[in-house]
Amino acid sequence: MPRVACAFWITAPGQGEIREVPLRNPDPDEVLVRTLCSGVSRGTETLVFRGGVPVSQHSVMRAPFQEGDFPAPLKYGYLNVGVVEEGPSALLGRTVFCLYPHQTHYVVPASAVTPVPDSVPAPRAVLAGTVETAVNALWDAAPLVGDRIAVIGAGMVGCGVAAVLARYPAVRVQLVDADPARAATAEALGVDFALPQDALGDCDLVVHASATEEGLARSLELLAPEGTVIELSWYGDRQVSLPLGEAFHSRRLVVRSSQVGAVSPARRARRTFADRLALALDLLADPAFDALITGESAFEELPEVLPWLVSGDLPALCHRIRYPPADG
């Protein structure tokens, strides 16, 4: 009998289902992975689920192992942790991270998986893609010792940036969000918290990750003269307005984009994608990152979970998906 796996497919904007998919035997340079857990990247994946990827970004936004095309039907996702059940002896039995969609088993080139360090529990390793985004943003931002920094937007990416910055020497880091409940997350990450109206100003650097016009405008207000906003938000098909009048030019402010699809120019000559991902996994040895996992559901519940995440009925940073055991 041919082998099959189960995968989550977006069948139409706002709708999804679990489908059986054929599972081929791996070639000698490939691995068969059984998924242990995956993560829903709430910002990007909910935007994809609701059909909000602009036509101009269809090719840019493709996930590494995506099947189908935007807006639907397609199989999408990129936070997957599993165990290698078949493949080269050096990887056999290893827990690995892969940029693969939500699927119970899959076959990929051995070069597409990254071993998870023994110091990192598999359930936490689903955050590797988020921490990799934070690493790339901070390579772009290049914070200095003693900098005054605000991170606006305590979502999955913003919290990841704050968690990494908490380990920088002698910097003032404040996590800013309109939801006062995020104060507990900031405390767990080891950084200060403030509501937008109470945030400390005179910042050398602001990392913006709230995906709101109000957050971006507040980012500019918090900057010291000649300060920089690193824009991590992705707005999809939404138009945003930015106040570039008033004192924007006289204060010589900078707004700079950062995106994980390419290694930061500051490190591109000396670091590969694999180096960046390995660094992210090493950072995840710190249990403080567990604060970014705010919920968990079974794989078979995904068709109901994603609409709840889109609507906000299920508030989350990273929502983890657990998979059946090997004999399940």
Protein backbone atom coordinates (compact mmCIF):
# COMPACT_ATOMS: atom_id res chain seq x y z
CA MET A 1 0.00 0.00 0.00
CA PRO A 2 1.30 3.52 -0.78
CA ARG A 3 2.19 5.63 2.22
CA VAL A 4 0.19 8.76 2.98
CA ALA A 5 0.48 11.76 5.28
CA CYS A 6 -2.08 14.30 6.43
CA ALA A 7 -1.64 18.00 5.63
CA PHE A 8 -3.52 21.21 6.31
CA TRP A 9 -4.64 23.00 3.14
CA ILE A 10 -6.22 26.43 2.76
CA THR A 11 -9.09 25.65 0.40
CA ALA A 12 -10.42 29.22 0.01
CA PRO A 13 -9.81 32.50 1.85
CA GLY A 14 -10.90 31.90 5.42
CA GLN A 15 -11.40 28.15 4.99
CA GLY A 16 -9.17 25.11 5.41
CA GLU A 17 -9.25 21.33 5.73
CA ILE A 18 -7.07 18.33 6.52
CA ARG A 19 -6.23 16.30 3.41
CA GLU A 20 -4.43 13.04 2.84
CA VAL A 21 -1.36 13.48 0.63
CA PRO A 22 0.93 10.83 -0.89
CA LEU A 23 4.22 10.26 0.88
CA ARG A 24 7.04 9.05 -1.35
CA ASN A 25 10.14 7.15 -0.26
CA PRO A 26 13.17 9.38 0.35
CA ASP A 27 16.15 9.32 -1.99
CA PRO A 28 19.61 8.71 -0.46
CA ASP A 29 20.19 12.45 0.04
CA GLU A 30 16.72 13.06 1.53
CA VAL A 31 15.06 12.56 4.90
CA LEU A 32 11.63 11.40 5.99
CA VAL A 33 10.50 13.51 8.95
CA ARG A 34 7.67 12.77 11.37
CA THR A 35 6.34 16.05 12.71
CA LEU A 36 6.30 16.51 16.48
CA CYS A 37 4.91 20.04 16.54
CA SER A 38 4.50 23.09 14.34
CA GLY A 39 3.81 26.73 15.02
CA VAL A 40 1.30 29.16 13.54
CA SER A 41 3.03 32.45 12.80
CA ARG A 42 0.03 34.57 13.73
CA GLY A 43 0.80 37.65 11.65
CA THR A 44 1.82 36.17 8.30
CA GLU A 45 -0.16 32.95 8.40
CA THR A 46 -3.44 34.56 9.37
CA LEU A 47 -2.94 37.10 6.58
CA VAL A 48 -2.35 34.25 4.12
CA PHE A 49 -5.36 32.37 5.50
CA ARG A 50 -7.72 35.29 4.94
CA GLY A 51 -6.39 35.81 1.39
CA GLY A 52 -4.62 39.10 2.09
CA VAL A 53 -1.38 38.60 0.12
CA PRO A 54 -1.24 41.24 -2.66
CA VAL A 55 -0.84 39.92 -6.19
CA SER A 56 2.44 41.83 -6.48
CA GLN A 57 3.85 39.79 -3.58
CA HIS A 58 2.71 36.31 -4.60
CA SER A 59 6.17 35.17 -5.67
CA VAL A 60 8.00 36.89 -2.80
CA MET A 61 5.71 35.41 -0.15
CA ARG A 62 5.99 31.78 -1.25
CA ALA A 63 7.08 29.52 1.60
CA PRO A 64 10.02 27.18 0.84
CA PHE A 65 7.84 24.04 0.54
CA GLN A 66 4.54 25.67 -0.33
CA GLU A 67 2.20 23.78 -2.64
CA GLY A 68 -0.49 25.58 -4.60
CA ASP A 69 -0.75 29.31 -5.27
CA PHE A 70 -2.18 32.37 -3.54
CA PRO A 71 -4.88 32.96 -2.57
CA ALA A 72 -5.99 29.28 -2.59
CA PRO A 73 -5.93 26.35 -2.60
CA LEU A 74 -2.48 26.09 -1.05
CA LYS A 75 -0.46 24.43 1.67
CA TYR A 76 1.43 27.07 3.68
CA GLY A 77 3.58 27.25 6.81
CA TYR A 78 7.22 27.34 7.90
CA LEU A 79 7.62 26.48 11.60
CA ASN A 80 7.98 22.70 11.79
CA VAL A 81 9.87 20.50 14.25
CA GLY A 82 10.08 16.76 13.77
CA VAL A 83 12.22 13.67 14.10
CA VAL A 84 14.08 12.06 11.19
CA GLU A 85 12.75 8.53 10.72
CA GLU A 86 14.55 7.70 7.46
CA GLY A 87 17.65 9.23 5.93
CA PRO A 88 21.43 9.57 6.27
CA SER A 89 22.83 7.97 9.44
CA ALA A 90 24.11 11.32 10.76
CA LEU A 91 20.50 12.60 10.94
CA LEU A 92 18.59 9.42 11.74
CA GLY A 93 16.69 9.86 14.99
CA ARG A 94 17.63 13.54 15.30
CA THR A 95 15.14 16.24 16.17
CA VAL A 96 15.22 18.83 13.38
CA PHE A 97 13.68 22.16 12.39
CA CYS A 98 12.40 22.70 8.87
CA LEU A 99 10.59 25.48 7.02
CA TYR A 100 7.74 23.13 6.17
CA PRO A 101 3.93 23.53 6.30
CA HIS A 102 1.60 21.80 8.76
CA GLN A 103 1.83 18.11 7.82
CA THR A 104 2.21 14.88 9.78
CA HIS A 105 5.12 13.46 7.74
CA TYR A 106 7.16 14.84 4.85
CA VAL A 107 10.19 14.14 2.64
CA VAL A 108 12.72 16.92 1.97
CA PRO A 109 16.42 17.18 1.04
CA ALA A 110 18.66 16.50 4.03
CA SER A 111 20.11 19.99 3.53
CA ALA A 112 16.68 21.51 4.27
CA VAL A 113 16.62 20.41 7.92
CA THR A 114 18.63 21.86 10.80
CA PRO A 115 19.36 19.71 13.87
CA VAL A 116 17.91 21.14 17.06
CA PRO A 117 20.56 21.43 19.81
CA ASP A 118 20.14 19.06 22.74
CA SER A 119 19.75 22.13 24.98
CA VAL A 120 16.54 23.19 23.18
CA PRO A 121 13.28 21.27 23.84
CA ALA A 122 11.44 20.35 20.64
CA PRO A 123 8.26 22.26 21.62
CA ARG A 124 10.29 25.49 21.99
CA ALA A 125 12.16 24.95 18.73
CA VAL A 126 9.04 25.93 16.72
CA LEU A 127 10.11 29.51 17.53
CA ALA A 128 13.28 29.20 15.44
CA GLY A 129 11.82 31.08 12.47
CA THR A 130 10.65 33.93 14.72
CA VAL A 131 14.00 34.26 16.48
CA GLU A 132 15.73 34.10 13.09
CA THR A 133 13.64 37.12 12.03
CA ALA A 134 14.71 38.91 15.22
CA VAL A 135 18.38 38.12 14.58
CA ASN A 136 18.16 39.48 11.04
CA ALA A 137 16.38 42.64 12.24
CA LEU A 138 19.09 43.30 14.81
CA TRP A 139 21.81 42.74 12.22
CA ASP A 140 20.00 45.44 10.23
CA ALA A 141 19.57 47.70 13.25
CA ALA A 142 23.10 47.26 14.67
CA PRO A 143 22.31 48.48 18.22
CA LEU A 144 25.23 49.81 20.23
CA VAL A 145 26.16 49.46 23.89
CA GLY A 146 24.16 51.97 25.90
CA ASP A 147 21.46 52.53 23.28
CA ARG A 148 17.94 53.53 24.28
CA ILE A 149 15.59 51.18 22.42
CA ALA A 150 11.84 50.70 22.17
CA VAL A 151 10.15 47.70 20.58
CA ILE A 152 6.60 48.65 19.59
CA GLY A 153 4.21 45.75 19.15
CA ALA A 154 4.34 42.85 21.61
CA GLY A 155 3.32 40.24 19.08
CA MET A 156 5.33 37.18 18.17
CA VAL A 157 8.06 39.03 16.27
CA GLY A 158 8.23 42.05 18.57
CA CYS A 159 8.58 39.82 21.62
CA GLY A 160 11.28 37.82 19.83
CA VAL A 161 13.24 41.01 19.18
CA ALA A 162 12.81 42.15 22.78
CA ALA A 163 13.95 38.77 24.08
CA VAL A 164 17.18 38.94 22.08
CA LEU A 165 17.77 42.60 23.02
CA ALA A 166 17.38 41.70 26.70
CA ARG A 167 20.75 39.96 26.40
CA TYR A 168 22.53 43.04 25.00
CA PRO A 169 24.87 44.84 27.43
CA ALA A 170 23.90 48.17 29.00
CA VAL A 171 20.94 48.95 26.75
CA ARG A 172 17.60 50.38 27.83
CA VAL A 173 14.91 48.18 26.29
CA GLN A 174 11.21 48.84 26.60
CA LEU A 175 8.48 46.67 25.06
CA VAL A 176 5.50 48.83 24.10
CA ASP A 177 1.97 47.59 23.40
CA ALA A 178 -1.61 48.83 23.72
CA ASP A 179 -2.60 45.63 25.56
CA PRO A 180 -1.65 45.91 29.26
CA ALA A 181 -1.75 42.11 29.52
CA ARG A 182 1.51 42.02 27.57
CA ALA A 183 3.27 43.37 30.67
CA ALA A 184 3.49 39.81 32.00
CA THR A 185 5.17 38.66 28.77
CA ALA A 186 7.68 41.51 28.97
CA GLU A 187 8.49 40.56 32.57
CA ALA A 188 9.07 36.94 31.55
CA LEU A 189 11.43 38.11 28.79
CA GLY A 190 13.37 40.36 31.16
CA VAL A 191 12.47 43.76 29.68
CA ASP A 192 10.43 46.76 30.82
CA PHE A 193 6.90 47.33 29.53
CA ALA A 194 4.91 50.47 28.73
CA LEU A 195 1.63 51.44 27.15
CA PRO A 196 2.15 53.64 24.06
CA GLN A 197 1.32 56.89 25.87
CA ASP A 198 3.74 56.07 28.68
CA ALA A 199 6.72 54.90 26.58
CA LEU A 200 10.10 56.50 27.18
CA GLY A 201 11.33 58.77 24.41
CA ASP A 202 14.71 59.98 23.22
CA CYS A 203 15.32 56.58 21.63
CA ASP A 204 18.31 55.88 19.44
CA LEU A 205 16.42 52.99 17.88
CA VAL A 206 12.79 51.88 17.65
CA VAL A 207 11.87 48.46 16.25
CA HIS A 208 8.28 48.62 15.01
CA ALA A 209 6.28 45.38 14.80
CA SER A 210 2.69 46.34 15.60
CA ALA A 211 1.48 46.44 11.96
CA THR A 212 -0.58 49.55 12.75
CA GLU A 213 -0.41 53.15 11.53
CA GLU A 214 -0.65 54.34 15.12
CA GLY A 215 2.32 52.22 16.16
CA LEU A 216 4.47 53.51 13.31
CA ALA A 217 3.56 57.12 14.06
CA ARG A 218 4.36 56.59 17.76
CA SER A 219 7.70 55.05 16.74
CA LEU A 220 8.70 58.31 15.06
CA GLU A 221 7.60 60.34 18.08
CA LEU A 222 9.82 58.30 20.41
CA LEU A 223 13.00 58.81 18.38
CA ALA A 224 15.84 61.11 19.37
CA PRO A 225 17.14 63.37 16.57
CA GLU A 226 18.75 61.25 13.83
CA GLY A 227 17.26 58.10 15.34
CA THR A 228 16.10 55.12 13.29
CA VAL A 229 12.91 53.08 13.06
CA ILE A 230 13.41 49.51 11.88
CA GLU A 231 10.08 48.55 10.28
CA LEU A 232 9.35 44.85 10.74
CA SER A 233 5.59 45.00 10.17
CA TRP A 234 4.17 43.58 6.98
CA TYR A 235 0.84 45.12 6.03
CA GLY A 236 -0.11 42.82 3.16
CA ASP A 237 -2.83 44.46 1.07
CA ARG A 238 -3.44 47.35 3.49
CA GLN A 239 -2.44 50.95 2.74
CA VAL A 240 -0.83 52.87 5.61
CA SER A 241 -0.21 56.57 6.17
CA LEU A 242 2.99 57.91 7.72
CA PRO A 243 3.40 61.44 9.11
CA LEU A 244 6.44 62.67 7.22
CA GLY A 245 5.64 66.34 7.74
CA GLU A 246 6.13 68.32 10.96
CA ALA A 247 9.64 67.68 12.34
CA PHE A 248 10.44 64.50 10.38
CA HIS A 249 13.02 66.18 8.14
CA SER A 250 14.43 68.71 10.60
CA ARG A 251 15.10 65.90 13.08
CA ARG A 252 16.66 63.80 10.29
CA LEU A 253 14.73 60.66 11.21
CA VAL A 254 15.15 57.35 9.38
CA VAL A 255 12.59 54.62 8.60
CA ARG A 256 14.24 51.44 7.34
CA SER A 257 12.64 48.15 6.38
CA SER A 258 13.86 44.76 7.52
CA GLN A 259 12.75 41.43 6.10
CA VAL A 260 13.90 37.90 6.80
CA GLY A 261 13.79 36.78 3.15
CA ALA A 262 17.42 37.86 2.68
CA VAL A 263 20.36 37.84 5.07
CA SER A 264 21.03 41.37 6.32
CA PRO A 265 23.56 43.24 4.14
CA ALA A 266 25.55 43.83 7.32
CA ARG A 267 26.35 40.09 7.50
CA ARG A 268 25.63 38.79 4.01
CA ALA A 269 29.31 38.43 3.07
CA ARG A 270 30.05 36.29 6.13
CA ARG A 271 26.81 34.51 7.14
CA THR A 272 24.53 32.13 5.28
CA PHE A 273 20.86 31.34 5.85
CA ALA A 274 22.02 28.17 7.61
CA ASP A 275 24.31 30.16 9.92
CA ARG A 276 21.47 32.50 10.82
CA LEU A 277 19.05 29.68 11.59
CA ALA A 278 21.64 27.80 13.65
CA LEU A 279 22.23 30.96 15.71
CA ALA A 280 18.50 31.32 16.31
CA LEU A 281 18.28 27.73 17.55
CA ASP A 282 21.25 28.28 19.88
CA LEU A 283 19.51 31.32 21.39
CA LEU A 284 16.43 29.20 22.10
CA ALA A 285 18.31 27.37 24.85
CA ASP A 286 17.03 30.21 27.07
CA PRO A 287 13.72 29.13 28.69
CA ALA A 288 12.54 32.77 28.70
CA PHE A 289 11.41 32.23 25.10
CA ASP A 290 8.66 29.90 26.36
CA ALA A 291 6.67 33.08 27.05
CA LEU A 292 6.11 33.39 23.29
CA ILE A 293 4.10 30.14 23.21
CA THR A 294 0.63 31.19 24.34
CA GLY A 295 -1.57 28.28 23.28
CA GLU A 296 -1.65 24.80 21.83
CA SER A 297 -4.09 22.74 19.77
CA ALA A 298 -4.16 19.32 18.15
CA PHE A 299 -3.34 19.06 14.46
CA GLU A 300 -6.84 17.91 13.56
CA GLU A 301 -8.23 21.13 15.07
CA LEU A 302 -6.37 23.43 12.66
CA PRO A 303 -9.38 24.08 10.36
CA GLU A 304 -11.22 25.56 13.37
CA VAL A 305 -8.19 27.19 15.04
CA LEU A 306 -7.06 29.42 12.18
CA PRO A 307 -10.40 31.27 11.84
CA TRP A 308 -10.32 31.89 15.60
CA LEU A 309 -6.81 33.33 15.31
CA VAL A 310 -7.87 35.57 12.40
CA SER A 311 -10.90 36.90 14.27
CA GLY A 312 -9.00 37.42 17.52
CA ASP A 313 -11.33 35.08 19.39
CA LEU A 314 -8.19 33.07 20.16
CA PRO A 315 -5.54 35.64 21.15
CA ALA A 316 -2.03 34.34 20.68
CA LEU A 317 1.60 35.10 20.07
CA CYS A 318 2.77 31.73 18.72
CA HIS A 319 0.09 29.04 18.72
CA ARG A 320 1.66 25.59 18.80
CA ILE A 321 0.19 22.59 17.01
CA ARG A 322 0.83 19.13 18.44
CA TYR A 323 0.79 15.99 16.28
CA PRO A 324 -0.20 12.38 16.96
CA PRO A 325 2.53 10.12 18.41
CA ALA A 326 4.35 7.65 16.20
CA ASP A 327 1.80 4.92 16.88
CA GLY A 328 -1.15 7.32 16.72
